[in-house]
Amino acid sequence: RNKMEYQRKHQQLILRLNRGEELLSAVRAVCKEEKILSASVVGLGAADYVKLGVYSVARKEYIVRELSGEREIAALTGNVTAKDGAPYLHFHIAVCGEDGVVYGGHLNEAVISATAELYFTLYEILPERVQEEETGLNLLSFPKQRRF
C-alpha cells in the first residue's frame, strides 16, 4: 500500500493521503515530522468510515455518530495548535453518501477510501490550548507576547 506523500515549501504544505490511512493520525505524524504547531488546514477526498460529533456543552461531551460506507468528504476544515508542547488537531468535516444526505461535525476519525488532499497554511502566531472549566473544551489561548 502506498503511504501518504507531502511537499512543503516555506509556510505551505500539501498532503495526499491514500486508501486505508486514517486522516487525523496522518496529519499528526506530518505535524510532528515538520514541527508544525500552528496551521490552518482545508481539504477534500473520500472516506469509508467517519466518526464525528456534536459537542453538548451541558453534558461536556461529544454526541458521536459513526458512518460506514463510501462517502465524499465535501468539506474539511481545521487547525493545528499546541497543547502541552505537542500538535493539537481541531477539525470539522462534512460528508455525503450516494443518497446526497450530508452529515457534519467535529472530526474524531476518518479512514480514507480512495484519497484525500489537504492544504496547510503555517503561521508564526503560536496559540496554545487550555482546558476551560465552564465548557470542558480546550480553548485557544494566547501566551503572553507582544501585541500590535
Protein backbone atom coordinates (compact mmCIF):
# COMPACT_ATOMS: atom_id res chain seq x y z
CA ARG A 1 0.00 0.00 0.00
CA ASN A 2 1.24 3.47 -0.81
CA LYS A 3 1.94 5.75 2.11
CA MET A 4 0.91 9.40 2.30
CA GLU A 5 3.05 11.92 0.46
CA TYR A 6 3.56 15.58 1.15
CA GLN A 7 5.60 18.51 -0.01
CA ARG A 8 6.47 21.61 1.99
CA LYS A 9 7.80 24.95 0.84
CA HIS A 10 8.23 27.68 3.43
CA GLN A 11 4.85 28.23 5.12
CA GLN A 12 2.84 25.95 2.84
CA LEU A 13 2.39 22.19 2.84
CA ILE A 14 0.28 19.91 0.65
CA LEU A 15 -0.51 16.38 1.82
CA ARG A 16 -2.04 13.47 -0.12
CA LEU A 17 -3.47 10.51 1.77
CA ASN A 18 -4.15 7.10 0.30
CA ARG A 19 -6.66 4.31 0.76
CA GLY A 20 -6.75 2.88 4.28
CA GLU A 21 -4.95 5.75 6.00
CA GLU A 22 -6.55 7.47 8.98
CA LEU A 23 -6.71 11.20 8.36
CA LEU A 24 -6.02 12.63 11.83
CA SER A 25 -3.19 10.16 12.54
CA ALA A 26 -1.54 11.12 9.24
CA VAL A 27 -1.89 14.86 9.93
CA ARG A 28 -0.47 14.39 13.44
CA ALA A 29 2.51 12.46 12.02
CA VAL A 30 3.26 15.17 9.43
CA CYS A 31 2.97 17.91 12.08
CA LYS A 32 5.43 16.08 14.33
CA GLU A 33 7.84 15.43 11.46
CA GLU A 34 7.70 19.03 10.23
CA LYS A 35 7.47 20.58 13.72
CA ILE A 36 4.17 22.32 12.92
CA LEU A 37 2.38 23.83 15.92
CA SER A 38 0.24 26.47 14.18
CA ALA A 39 -1.59 26.00 10.88
CA SER A 40 -4.94 26.13 9.14
CA VAL A 41 -5.94 23.15 7.03
CA VAL A 42 -8.54 22.65 4.30
CA GLY A 43 -9.22 19.54 2.30
CA LEU A 44 -11.45 17.12 0.47
CA GLY A 45 -11.45 13.48 -0.55
CA ALA A 46 -13.30 10.26 0.17
CA ALA A 47 -13.69 8.04 3.24
CA ASP A 48 -15.41 4.76 4.03
CA TYR A 49 -15.50 5.23 7.80
CA VAL A 50 -16.11 8.52 9.59
CA LYS A 51 -16.63 9.19 13.28
CA LEU A 52 -17.89 12.70 14.00
CA GLY A 53 -19.59 14.51 16.82
CA VAL A 54 -21.54 17.48 18.02
CA TYR A 55 -20.49 18.91 21.38
CA SER A 56 -23.03 19.14 24.19
CA VAL A 57 -21.95 21.97 26.48
CA ALA A 58 -24.47 20.85 29.13
CA ARG A 59 -23.07 17.29 29.19
CA LYS A 60 -19.47 18.36 28.43
CA GLU A 61 -19.13 15.58 25.88
CA TYR A 62 -19.50 14.85 22.19
CA ILE A 63 -22.63 13.17 20.86
CA VAL A 64 -20.92 10.80 18.41
CA ARG A 65 -22.13 9.42 15.07
CA GLU A 66 -20.29 6.69 13.16
CA LEU A 67 -20.76 6.38 9.42
CA SER A 68 -19.65 3.42 7.31
CA GLY A 69 -19.79 3.10 3.54
CA GLU A 70 -18.31 5.24 0.82
CA ARG A 71 -18.61 8.95 1.49
CA GLU A 72 -17.33 12.03 -0.24
CA ILE A 73 -15.54 14.47 2.03
CA ALA A 74 -17.39 17.52 0.76
CA ALA A 75 -15.54 19.87 3.11
CA LEU A 76 -12.80 19.53 5.67
CA THR A 77 -11.51 22.45 7.66
CA GLY A 78 -9.40 22.63 10.75
CA ASN A 79 -6.41 23.94 12.58
CA VAL A 80 -3.28 22.80 14.31
CA THR A 81 -2.24 24.40 17.59
CA ALA A 82 -0.15 23.24 20.55
CA LYS A 83 -1.22 21.54 23.77
CA ASP A 84 1.46 20.52 26.23
CA GLY A 85 4.10 21.09 23.53
CA ALA A 86 2.57 18.65 21.03
CA PRO A 87 0.40 19.23 17.94
CA TYR A 88 -3.29 19.52 18.85
CA LEU A 89 -5.74 18.98 15.98
CA HIS A 90 -9.20 20.54 15.74
CA PHE A 91 -11.06 19.55 12.55
CA HIS A 92 -14.63 19.72 11.29
CA ILE A 93 -15.95 17.68 8.38
CA ALA A 94 -18.97 17.46 6.08
CA VAL A 95 -19.50 14.14 4.30
CA CYS A 96 -22.20 12.79 2.00
CA GLY A 97 -23.09 9.39 0.59
CA GLU A 98 -24.71 8.29 -2.64
CA ASP A 99 -28.09 9.49 -1.34
CA GLY A 100 -26.78 13.06 -1.03
CA VAL A 101 -27.52 13.29 2.70
CA VAL A 102 -24.85 15.42 4.37
CA TYR A 103 -23.54 14.80 7.88
CA GLY A 104 -21.21 17.22 9.57
CA GLY A 105 -19.47 17.87 12.83
CA HIS A 106 -16.27 17.64 14.82
CA LEU A 107 -13.98 15.02 13.26
CA ASN A 108 -12.86 12.20 15.55
CA GLU A 109 -11.69 9.72 12.91
CA ALA A 110 -11.80 9.23 9.14
CA VAL A 111 -10.42 6.27 7.18
CA ILE A 112 -9.69 7.18 3.58
CA SER A 113 -11.38 5.04 0.89
CA ALA A 114 -9.68 6.50 -2.19
CA THR A 115 -7.65 9.63 -1.47
CA ALA A 116 -7.68 12.90 0.43
CA GLU A 117 -5.94 16.17 -0.41
CA LEU A 118 -5.09 18.59 2.38
CA TYR A 119 -3.61 22.08 2.07
CA PHE A 120 -1.86 23.61 5.08
CA THR A 121 -1.02 27.26 5.70
CA LEU A 122 1.52 27.60 8.52
CA TYR A 123 1.59 30.53 10.94
CA GLU A 124 4.18 32.22 13.12
CA ILE A 125 1.48 33.04 15.70
CA LEU A 126 1.61 30.20 18.24
CA PRO A 127 -1.63 29.88 20.22
CA GLU A 128 -1.92 27.08 22.74
CA ARG A 129 -4.86 25.03 24.02
CA VAL A 130 -6.01 25.35 27.61
CA GLN A 131 -8.96 23.49 29.06
CA GLU A 132 -11.75 25.85 30.02
CA GLU A 133 -13.76 24.73 33.05
CA GLU A 134 -17.20 26.08 32.11
CA THR A 135 -17.47 24.24 28.78
CA GLY A 136 -14.87 21.50 29.28
CA LEU A 137 -13.32 22.38 25.92
CA ASN A 138 -9.66 23.01 25.10
CA LEU A 139 -9.92 26.65 24.01
CA LEU A 140 -7.40 28.78 22.16
CA SER A 141 -5.14 30.72 24.48
CA PHE A 142 -2.53 33.27 23.57
CA PRO A 143 0.61 33.16 25.73
CA LYS A 144 1.99 36.49 26.80
CA GLN A 145 3.51 38.03 23.74
CA ARG A 146 3.92 41.43 22.22
CA ARG A 147 0.68 42.78 20.82
CA PHE A 148 0.46 45.24 17.94
